Amino acid sequence: MNAVRLIVLAVAGVAAIGAAVLVRGAMQPPAPVQVSSEAAPVAAPEPVTARVLVAARDIAAGERVSAGAFRWAHWPDEAVISGYLVQSRNADAMERLSGAVARTAMVAGEPILEPRLVQPGQAGFMAAVIEPGMRAVAVPISARSGAGGFILPNDRVDILLTLSANENFATRNVVENVRVLAIDQSHAESREGALVGATATLELSPSQARAVSMAVASGTVSLALRSIADTEGGARLPDGADETGTASVVRVFRYGEEQRVALGGGAP
């Protein structure tokens, strides 16, 4: 065997070995790519929101609210409707709605709609202030019969009726512990000083309203202001009175002396 043939065989062997190595490498799966556990996940885009006025707590129908009854909450921008109060356009909404009365009940987190609140002076305000089942009745008063003007809205009073006949005078309670809703057109609770008016609007049950209407038609009605520490229990008819407010015994003053007589009887 000559030298040329040996060289050819050697080159062929080397080529075969190289081809085998290449085929083996191509048949093996690729090495897995190592992913670092510390790689930060891709953050989702922040949703676009607006700050909307919502109820900070449950609000009952007829409740007078303050600024603390509201709060600003983030609301999806696409869910904001035209009636919502958005902070960017209504920054003073909390203060502006303070003192309003809720027409309907609202739950905590519910967006505030202005038509569901009634402001003092607006139509329907008095109807929203009255407790369910009660009535608003106006009675004539003066500085003399209205405790000198010191009776203010939301005070509590007793309603007195004075009857006179043939120089005999009788006075009795018609209804006790009555809530004053307004004096004339004023219904503010925080007003200071005296408030002399010609009409007091009172909160009464239907039977109490009948008794007071009868009293106004029968004689002189006066309001007696109650202590702020003596206002528990709500309005009530006096002891011994029926649903019309008629008492079985009245006090009669004759010649400076007090006498008690049965209803329908005359002074002795």
C-alpha atoms as a PDB file:
ATOM      1  CA  MET A   1       0.000   0.000   0.000  1.00  0.00           C
ATOM      2  CA  ASN A   2       1.510   3.198  -1.086  1.00  0.00           C
ATOM      3  CA  ALA A   3       1.549   6.435   0.804  1.00  0.00           C
ATOM      4  CA  VAL A   4      -1.167   8.115  -1.276  1.00  0.00           C
ATOM      5  CA  ARG A   5      -3.704   5.369  -0.483  1.00  0.00           C
ATOM      6  CA  LEU A   6      -2.954   5.657   3.250  1.00  0.00           C
ATOM      7  CA  ILE A   7      -3.517   9.386   3.182  1.00  0.00           C
ATOM      8  CA  VAL A   8      -6.857   8.983   1.414  1.00  0.00           C
ATOM      9  CA  LEU A   9      -8.028   6.378   3.961  1.00  0.00           C
ATOM     10  CA  ALA A  10      -7.000   8.610   6.849  1.00  0.00           C
ATOM     11  CA  VAL A  11      -8.900  11.585   5.454  1.00  0.00           C
ATOM     12  CA  ALA A  12     -11.979   9.429   4.863  1.00  0.00           C
ATOM     13  CA  GLY A  13     -11.854   8.137   8.448  1.00  0.00           C
ATOM     14  CA  VAL A  14     -11.602  11.596   9.894  1.00  0.00           C
ATOM     15  CA  ALA A  15     -14.525  12.752   7.737  1.00  0.00           C
ATOM     16  CA  ALA A  16     -16.640   9.803   8.877  1.00  0.00           C
ATOM     17  CA  ILE A  17     -15.930  10.515  12.512  1.00  0.00           C
ATOM     18  CA  GLY A  18     -16.845  14.226  12.018  1.00  0.00           C
ATOM     19  CA  ALA A  19     -20.064  13.319  10.268  1.00  0.00           C
ATOM     20  CA  ALA A  20     -21.020  10.945  13.110  1.00  0.00           C
ATOM     21  CA  VAL A  21     -20.438  13.683  15.669  1.00  0.00           C
ATOM     22  CA  LEU A  22     -22.579  16.169  13.728  1.00  0.00           C
ATOM     23  CA  VAL A  23     -25.454  13.675  13.336  1.00  0.00           C
ATOM     24  CA  ARG A  24     -25.394  12.820  17.040  1.00  0.00           C
ATOM     25  CA  GLY A  25     -25.453  16.510  18.026  1.00  0.00           C
ATOM     26  CA  ALA A  26     -28.370  17.200  15.705  1.00  0.00           C
ATOM     27  CA  MET A  27     -30.432  14.330  17.180  1.00  0.00           C
ATOM     28  CA  GLN A  28     -30.119  15.538  20.824  1.00  0.00           C
ATOM     29  CA  PRO A  29     -32.871  17.973  22.149  1.00  0.00           C
ATOM     30  CA  PRO A  30     -31.800  21.550  22.805  1.00  0.00           C
ATOM     31  CA  ALA A  31     -30.766  22.399  26.335  1.00  0.00           C
ATOM     32  CA  PRO A  32     -33.616  24.095  28.323  1.00  0.00           C
ATOM     33  CA  VAL A  33     -33.361  27.847  28.663  1.00  0.00           C
ATOM     34  CA  GLN A  34     -32.841  28.830  32.276  1.00  0.00           C
ATOM     35  CA  VAL A  35     -35.306  31.593  33.328  1.00  0.00           C
ATOM     36  CA  SER A  36     -34.370  33.632  36.351  1.00  0.00           C
ATOM     37  CA  SER A  37     -36.914  33.400  39.147  1.00  0.00           C
ATOM     38  CA  GLU A  38     -36.247  37.033  39.949  1.00  0.00           C
ATOM     39  CA  ALA A  39     -37.598  38.295  36.622  1.00  0.00           C
ATOM     40  CA  ALA A  40     -40.414  40.860  37.269  1.00  0.00           C
ATOM     41  CA  PRO A  41     -43.854  39.987  35.798  1.00  0.00           C
ATOM     42  CA  VAL A  42     -45.309  42.302  33.235  1.00  0.00           C
ATOM     43  CA  ALA A  43     -47.570  44.797  35.083  1.00  0.00           C
ATOM     44  CA  ALA A  44     -51.139  45.244  33.867  1.00  0.00           C
ATOM     45  CA  PRO A  45     -52.037  48.797  32.898  1.00  0.00           C
ATOM     46  CA  GLU A  46     -53.697  50.842  35.657  1.00  0.00           C
ATOM     47  CA  PRO A  47     -57.465  51.291  35.091  1.00  0.00           C
ATOM     48  CA  VAL A  48     -58.629  54.836  34.476  1.00  0.00           C
ATOM     49  CA  THR A  49     -60.802  55.999  37.418  1.00  0.00           C
ATOM     50  CA  ALA A  50     -62.578  59.109  38.637  1.00  0.00           C
ATOM     51  CA  ARG A  51     -63.296  60.152  42.231  1.00  0.00           C
ATOM     52  CA  VAL A  52     -67.056  59.989  42.782  1.00  0.00           C
ATOM     53  CA  LEU A  53     -69.058  61.089  45.855  1.00  0.00           C
ATOM     54  CA  VAL A  54     -70.582  58.056  47.629  1.00  0.00           C
ATOM     55  CA  ALA A  55     -72.354  57.374  50.926  1.00  0.00           C
ATOM     56  CA  ALA A  56     -69.839  56.791  53.719  1.00  0.00           C
ATOM     57  CA  ARG A  57     -72.454  54.789  55.674  1.00  0.00           C
ATOM     58  CA  ASP A  58     -76.058  53.658  55.400  1.00  0.00           C
ATOM     59  CA  ILE A  59     -78.420  56.642  55.192  1.00  0.00           C
ATOM     60  CA  ALA A  60     -82.071  56.253  56.187  1.00  0.00           C
ATOM     61  CA  ALA A  61     -84.957  57.901  54.367  1.00  0.00           C
ATOM     62  CA  GLY A  62     -85.843  61.193  56.049  1.00  0.00           C
ATOM     63  CA  GLU A  63     -82.414  61.507  57.709  1.00  0.00           C
ATOM     64  CA  ARG A  64     -80.743  64.912  57.717  1.00  0.00           C
ATOM     65  CA  VAL A  65     -77.144  64.351  56.618  1.00  0.00           C
ATOM     66  CA  SER A  66     -73.881  66.143  57.343  1.00  0.00           C
ATOM     67  CA  ALA A  67     -70.630  66.259  55.380  1.00  0.00           C
ATOM     68  CA  GLY A  68     -69.427  63.198  57.323  1.00  0.00           C
ATOM     69  CA  ALA A  69     -72.092  61.067  55.633  1.00  0.00           C
ATOM     70  CA  PHE A  70     -70.168  61.250  52.336  1.00  0.00           C
ATOM     71  CA  ARG A  71     -66.723  60.287  51.019  1.00  0.00           C
ATOM     72  CA  TRP A  72     -64.851  60.357  47.713  1.00  0.00           C
ATOM     73  CA  ALA A  73     -64.270  56.931  46.129  1.00  0.00           C
ATOM     74  CA  HIS A  74     -62.462  55.763  42.993  1.00  0.00           C
ATOM     75  CA  TRP A  75     -64.922  54.734  40.272  1.00  0.00           C
ATOM     76  CA  PRO A  76     -64.193  53.211  36.833  1.00  0.00           C
ATOM     77  CA  ASP A  77     -64.195  56.053  34.366  1.00  0.00           C
ATOM     78  CA  GLU A  78     -66.328  54.165  31.856  1.00  0.00           C
ATOM     79  CA  ALA A  79     -68.992  53.524  34.565  1.00  0.00           C
ATOM     80  CA  VAL A  80     -69.422  57.183  35.580  1.00  0.00           C
ATOM     81  CA  ILE A  81     -72.853  58.445  34.499  1.00  0.00           C
ATOM     82  CA  SER A  82     -73.945  62.049  34.125  1.00  0.00           C
ATOM     83  CA  GLY A  83     -75.756  62.179  37.489  1.00  0.00           C
ATOM     84  CA  TYR A  84     -72.688  61.253  39.580  1.00  0.00           C
ATOM     85  CA  LEU A  85     -70.855  63.975  41.488  1.00  0.00           C
ATOM     86  CA  VAL A  86     -67.236  63.864  40.278  1.00  0.00           C
ATOM     87  CA  GLN A  87     -64.666  65.580  42.493  1.00  0.00           C
ATOM     88  CA  SER A  88     -62.948  67.330  39.596  1.00  0.00           C
ATOM     89  CA  ARG A  89     -66.197  69.177  38.820  1.00  0.00           C
ATOM     90  CA  ASN A  90     -67.899  69.236  42.264  1.00  0.00           C
ATOM     91  CA  ALA A  91     -65.142  69.755  44.813  1.00  0.00           C
ATOM     92  CA  ASP A  92     -67.550  71.467  47.262  1.00  0.00           C
ATOM     93  CA  ALA A  93     -70.259  68.783  47.051  1.00  0.00           C
ATOM     94  CA  MET A  94     -69.815  67.535  50.646  1.00  0.00           C
ATOM     95  CA  GLU A  95     -70.282  70.999  52.138  1.00  0.00           C
ATOM     96  CA  ARG A  96     -73.041  71.934  49.693  1.00  0.00           C
ATOM     97  CA  LEU A  97     -75.126  68.849  50.526  1.00  0.00           C
ATOM     98  CA  SER A  98     -74.597  69.107  54.292  1.00  0.00           C
ATOM     99  CA  GLY A  99     -77.983  69.711  55.953  1.00  0.00           C
ATOM    100  CA  ALA A 100     -79.995  68.083  53.175  1.00  0.00           C
ATOM    101  CA  VAL A 101     -82.578  65.369  53.892  1.00  0.00           C
ATOM    102  CA  ALA A 102     -82.564  61.972  52.181  1.00  0.00           C
ATOM    103  CA  ARG A 103     -85.714  61.318  50.146  1.00  0.00           C
ATOM    104  CA  THR A 104     -84.902  57.585  49.963  1.00  0.00           C
ATOM    105  CA  ALA A 105     -82.605  55.191  51.808  1.00  0.00           C
ATOM    106  CA  MET A 106     -79.014  54.742  50.570  1.00  0.00           C
ATOM    107  CA  VAL A 107     -76.411  52.109  51.414  1.00  0.00           C
ATOM    108  CA  ALA A 108     -72.731  52.620  52.169  1.00  0.00           C
ATOM    109  CA  GLY A 109     -70.661  52.941  48.994  1.00  0.00           C
ATOM    110  CA  GLU A 110     -73.614  53.930  46.805  1.00  0.00           C
ATOM    111  CA  PRO A 111     -72.981  56.918  44.495  1.00  0.00           C
ATOM    112  CA  ILE A 112     -74.850  60.045  45.560  1.00  0.00           C
ATOM    113  CA  LEU A 113     -77.470  61.437  43.179  1.00  0.00           C
ATOM    114  CA  GLU A 114     -78.632  64.961  44.022  1.00  0.00           C
ATOM    115  CA  PRO A 115     -82.328  64.318  43.200  1.00  0.00           C
ATOM    116  CA  ARG A 116     -82.369  61.787  46.060  1.00  0.00           C
ATOM    117  CA  LEU A 117     -81.602  64.585  48.524  1.00  0.00           C
ATOM    118  CA  VAL A 118     -83.759  67.625  49.250  1.00  0.00           C
ATOM    119  CA  GLN A 119     -82.212  70.868  50.466  1.00  0.00           C
ATOM    120  CA  PRO A 120     -83.783  73.287  52.975  1.00  0.00           C
ATOM    121  CA  GLY A 121     -86.110  75.617  51.118  1.00  0.00           C
ATOM    122  CA  GLN A 122     -86.707  73.241  48.228  1.00  0.00           C
ATOM    123  CA  ALA A 123     -90.148  71.851  47.448  1.00  0.00           C
ATOM    124  CA  GLY A 124     -90.772  68.699  49.445  1.00  0.00           C
ATOM    125  CA  PHE A 125     -88.290  69.503  52.220  1.00  0.00           C
ATOM    126  CA  MET A 126     -90.888  69.529  55.008  1.00  0.00           C
ATOM    127  CA  ALA A 127     -92.439  66.265  53.803  1.00  0.00           C
ATOM    128  CA  ALA A 128     -88.978  64.671  53.902  1.00  0.00           C
ATOM    129  CA  VAL A 129     -88.335  65.885  57.464  1.00  0.00           C
ATOM    130  CA  ILE A 130     -91.547  64.478  58.990  1.00  0.00           C
ATOM    131  CA  GLU A 131     -91.234  61.055  60.606  1.00  0.00           C
ATOM    132  CA  PRO A 132     -93.255  58.258  58.951  1.00  0.00           C
ATOM    133  CA  GLY A 133     -96.837  58.177  60.231  1.00  0.00           C
ATOM    134  CA  MET A 134     -96.733  61.766  61.513  1.00  0.00           C
ATOM    135  CA  ARG A 135     -98.362  64.951  60.242  1.00  0.00           C
ATOM    136  CA  ALA A 136     -97.312  68.623  60.076  1.00  0.00           C
ATOM    137  CA  VAL A 137     -99.888  70.973  61.621  1.00  0.00           C
ATOM    138  CA  ALA A 138     -99.576  74.766  61.816  1.00  0.00           C
ATOM    139  CA  VAL A 139    -100.917  76.666  64.823  1.00  0.00           C
ATOM    140  CA  PRO A 140    -101.040  80.443  65.340  1.00  0.00           C
ATOM    141  CA  ILE A 141     -98.651  81.862  67.943  1.00  0.00           C
ATOM    142  CA  SER A 142     -97.306  85.189  69.115  1.00  0.00           C
ATOM    143  CA  ALA A 143     -94.408  86.333  71.262  1.00  0.00           C
ATOM    144  CA  ARG A 144     -96.688  85.874  74.284  1.00  0.00           C
ATOM    145  CA  SER A 145     -98.029  82.436  73.370  1.00  0.00           C
ATOM    146  CA  GLY A 146     -94.725  81.229  71.910  1.00  0.00           C
ATOM    147  CA  ALA A 147     -92.453  81.547  74.976  1.00  0.00           C
ATOM    148  CA  GLY A 148     -91.280  85.006  74.008  1.00  0.00           C
ATOM    149  CA  GLY A 149     -89.786  83.829  70.732  1.00  0.00           C
ATOM    150  CA  PHE A 150     -87.319  81.419  72.350  1.00  0.00           C
ATOM    151  CA  ILE A 151     -88.939  78.365  70.764  1.00  0.00           C
ATOM    152  CA  LEU A 152     -86.804  77.261  67.817  1.00  0.00           C
ATOM    153  CA  PRO A 153     -87.171  74.500  65.223  1.00  0.00           C
ATOM    154  CA  ASN A 154     -86.502  71.023  66.643  1.00  0.00           C
ATOM    155  CA  ASP A 155     -87.358  72.135  70.209  1.00  0.00           C
ATOM    156  CA  ARG A 156     -89.996  70.230  72.180  1.00  0.00           C
ATOM    157  CA  VAL A 157     -93.107  71.914  73.574  1.00  0.00           C
ATOM    158  CA  ASP A 158     -96.382  71.224  75.358  1.00  0.00           C
ATOM    159  CA  ILE A 159     -99.546  72.572  73.710  1.00  0.00           C
ATOM    160  CA  LEU A 160    -101.857  74.353  76.160  1.00  0.00           C
ATOM    161  CA  LEU A 161    -105.471  75.336  75.573  1.00  0.00           C
ATOM    162  CA  THR A 162    -107.102  78.140  77.570  1.00  0.00           C
ATOM    163  CA  LEU A 163    -110.903  78.438  77.578  1.00  0.00           C
ATOM    164  CA  SER A 164    -112.883  81.329  79.018  1.00  0.00           C
ATOM    165  CA  ALA A 165    -116.591  81.639  79.748  1.00  0.00           C
ATOM    166  CA  ASN A 166    -118.377  84.085  82.030  1.00  0.00           C
ATOM    167  CA  GLU A 167    -115.093  85.213  83.643  1.00  0.00           C
ATOM    168  CA  ASN A 168    -114.155  81.595  84.278  1.00  0.00           C
ATOM    169  CA  PHE A 169    -110.870  80.340  82.790  1.00  0.00           C
ATOM    170  CA  ALA A 170    -109.807  76.771  82.225  1.00  0.00           C
ATOM    171  CA  THR A 171    -106.373  75.627  81.015  1.00  0.00           C
ATOM    172  CA  ARG A 172    -105.290  72.122  80.092  1.00  0.00           C
ATOM    173  CA  ASN A 173    -102.601  70.300  78.155  1.00  0.00           C
ATOM    174  CA  VAL A 174    -103.713  69.173  74.714  1.00  0.00           C
ATOM    175  CA  VAL A 175    -100.555  67.323  73.635  1.00  0.00           C
ATOM    176  CA  GLU A 176     -97.212  67.000  75.422  1.00  0.00           C
ATOM    177  CA  ASN A 177     -93.618  66.740  74.190  1.00  0.00           C
ATOM    178  CA  VAL A 178     -94.311  67.871  70.628  1.00  0.00           C
ATOM    179  CA  ARG A 179     -91.500  68.463  68.148  1.00  0.00           C
ATOM    180  CA  VAL A 180     -91.428  71.883  66.486  1.00  0.00           C
ATOM    181  CA  LEU A 181     -90.687  71.565  62.766  1.00  0.00           C
ATOM    182  CA  ALA A 182     -90.607  75.265  61.861  1.00  0.00           C
ATOM    183  CA  ILE A 183     -91.394  78.762  63.039  1.00  0.00           C
ATOM    184  CA  ASP A 184     -92.975  80.596  60.108  1.00  0.00           C
ATOM    185  CA  GLN A 185     -90.710  79.602  57.175  1.00  0.00           C
ATOM    186  CA  SER A 186     -87.604  78.994  59.291  1.00  0.00           C
ATOM    187  CA  HIS A 187     -86.609  75.371  59.828  1.00  0.00           C
ATOM    188  CA  ALA A 188     -82.935  75.834  60.778  1.00  0.00           C
ATOM    189  CA  GLU A 189     -81.894  74.001  63.953  1.00  0.00           C
ATOM    190  CA  SER A 190     -78.719  75.948  64.772  1.00  0.00           C
ATOM    191  CA  ARG A 191     -80.140  79.481  64.734  1.00  0.00           C
ATOM    192  CA  GLU A 192     -79.303  81.400  67.895  1.00  0.00           C
ATOM    193  CA  GLY A 193     -81.368  83.942  69.803  1.00  0.00           C
ATOM    194  CA  ALA A 194     -85.101  84.545  69.678  1.00  0.00           C
ATOM    195  CA  LEU A 195     -87.313  83.760  66.708  1.00  0.00           C
ATOM    196  CA  VAL A 196     -90.675  85.531  66.932  1.00  0.00           C
ATOM    197  CA  GLY A 197     -93.173  84.221  64.412  1.00  0.00           C
ATOM    198  CA  ALA A 198     -96.887  84.094  63.724  1.00  0.00           C
ATOM    199  CA  THR A 199     -97.108  80.354  62.999  1.00  0.00           C
ATOM    200  CA  ALA A 200     -95.507  77.249  64.496  1.00  0.00           C
ATOM    201  CA  THR A 201     -95.508  74.022  62.477  1.00  0.00           C
ATOM    202  CA  LEU A 202     -95.698  70.979  64.756  1.00  0.00           C
ATOM    203  CA  GLU A 203     -95.148  67.245  64.174  1.00  0.00           C
ATOM    204  CA  LEU A 204     -98.195  65.290  65.375  1.00  0.00           C
ATOM    205  CA  SER A 205     -99.847  61.917  64.963  1.00  0.00           C
ATOM    206  CA  PRO A 206    -103.248  61.927  63.199  1.00  0.00           C
ATOM    207  CA  SER A 207    -105.164  61.749  66.511  1.00  0.00           C
ATOM    208  CA  GLN A 208    -102.999  64.482  68.025  1.00  0.00           C
ATOM    209  CA  ALA A 209    -103.536  66.607  64.924  1.00  0.00           C
ATOM    210  CA  ARG A 210    -107.317  66.341  65.419  1.00  0.00           C
ATOM    211  CA  ALA A 211    -106.984  67.316  69.074  1.00  0.00           C
ATOM    212  CA  VAL A 212    -104.848  70.370  68.257  1.00  0.00           C
ATOM    213  CA  SER A 213    -107.165  71.496  65.443  1.00  0.00           C
ATOM    214  CA  MET A 214    -110.111  71.283  67.839  1.00  0.00           C
ATOM    215  CA  ALA A 215    -108.149  73.256  70.434  1.00  0.00           C
ATOM    216  CA  VAL A 216    -107.316  76.042  67.963  1.00  0.00           C
ATOM    217  CA  ALA A 217    -110.993  76.325  67.081  1.00  0.00           C
ATOM    218  CA  SER A 218    -112.109  76.256  70.742  1.00  0.00           C
ATOM    219  CA  GLY A 219    -109.902  78.794  72.503  1.00  0.00           C
ATOM    220  CA  THR A 220    -106.410  80.236  72.880  1.00  0.00           C
ATOM    221  CA  VAL A 221    -103.485  77.923  72.173  1.00  0.00           C
ATOM    222  CA  SER A 222    -100.074  78.481  73.769  1.00  0.00           C
ATOM    223  CA  LEU A 223     -96.776  76.615  73.501  1.00  0.00           C
ATOM    224  CA  ALA A 224     -94.786  75.801  76.633  1.00  0.00           C
ATOM    225  CA  LEU A 225     -91.076  75.162  75.963  1.00  0.00           C
ATOM    226  CA  ARG A 226     -89.706  71.963  77.508  1.00  0.00           C
ATOM    227  CA  SER A 227     -86.216  71.474  78.905  1.00  0.00           C
ATOM    228  CA  ILE A 228     -83.744  69.825  76.555  1.00  0.00           C
ATOM    229  CA  ALA A 229     -83.252  67.192  79.266  1.00  0.00           C
ATOM    230  CA  ASP A 230     -86.999  66.403  79.271  1.00  0.00           C
ATOM    231  CA  THR A 231     -87.699  65.466  75.659  1.00  0.00           C
ATOM    232  CA  GLU A 232     -87.586  61.665  75.690  1.00  0.00           C
ATOM    233  CA  GLY A 233     -90.535  59.524  74.642  1.00  0.00           C
ATOM    234  CA  GLY A 234     -92.037  61.488  71.776  1.00  0.00           C
ATOM    235  CA  ALA A 235     -95.319  63.342  71.550  1.00  0.00           C
ATOM    236  CA  ARG A 236     -98.193  62.029  73.675  1.00  0.00           C
ATOM    237  CA  LEU A 237    -101.663  62.946  74.821  1.00  0.00           C
ATOM    238  CA  PRO A 238    -101.875  63.952  78.506  1.00  0.00           C
ATOM    239  CA  ASP A 239    -103.017  61.489  81.132  1.00  0.00           C
ATOM    240  CA  GLY A 240    -106.804  61.235  81.225  1.00  0.00           C
ATOM    241  CA  ALA A 241    -107.309  62.341  77.608  1.00  0.00           C
ATOM    242  CA  ASP A 242    -108.917  60.290  74.868  1.00  0.00           C
ATOM    243  CA  GLU A 243    -107.863  60.203  71.216  1.00  0.00           C
ATOM    244  CA  THR A 244    -109.561  63.534  70.550  1.00  0.00           C
ATOM    245  CA  GLY A 245    -107.414  65.180  73.221  1.00  0.00           C
ATOM    246  CA  THR A 246    -110.417  65.773  75.480  1.00  0.00           C
ATOM    247  CA  ALA A 247    -109.463  65.601  79.133  1.00  0.00           C
ATOM    248  CA  SER A 248    -111.875  64.286  81.722  1.00  0.00           C
ATOM    249  CA  VAL A 249    -110.817  66.993  84.220  1.00  0.00           C
ATOM    250  CA  VAL A 250    -109.858  70.629  83.598  1.00  0.00           C
ATOM    251  CA  ARG A 251    -108.427  73.339  85.827  1.00  0.00           C
ATOM    252  CA  VAL A 252    -110.682  76.366  86.373  1.00  0.00           C
ATOM    253  CA  PHE A 253    -109.435  79.659  87.806  1.00  0.00           C
ATOM    254  CA  ARG A 254    -112.119  81.830  89.389  1.00  0.00           C
ATOM    255  CA  TYR A 255    -111.354  84.959  91.361  1.00  0.00           C
ATOM    256  CA  GLY A 256    -107.714  83.879  91.637  1.00  0.00           C
ATOM    257  CA  GLU A 257    -108.521  80.413  93.000  1.00  0.00           C
ATOM    258  CA  GLU A 258    -107.926  77.134  91.155  1.00  0.00           C
ATOM    259  CA  GLN A 259    -110.655  74.508  90.982  1.00  0.00           C
ATOM    260  CA  ARG A 260    -110.818  71.179  89.130  1.00  0.00           C
ATOM    261  CA  VAL A 261    -114.093  70.279  87.458  1.00  0.00           C
ATOM    262  CA  ALA A 262    -115.244  67.346  85.365  1.00  0.00           C
ATOM    263  CA  LEU A 263    -115.549  67.877  81.653  1.00  0.00           C
ATOM    264  CA  GLY A 264    -118.939  69.315  80.837  1.00  0.00           C
ATOM    265  CA  GLY A 265    -119.489  70.611  84.342  1.00  0.00           C
ATOM    266  CA  GLY A 266    -119.401  74.243  85.285  1.00  0.00           C
ATOM    267  CA  ALA A 267    -117.297  75.931  87.893  1.00  0.00           C
ATOM    268  CA  PRO A 268    -118.940  75.787  91.280  1.00  0.00           C
END
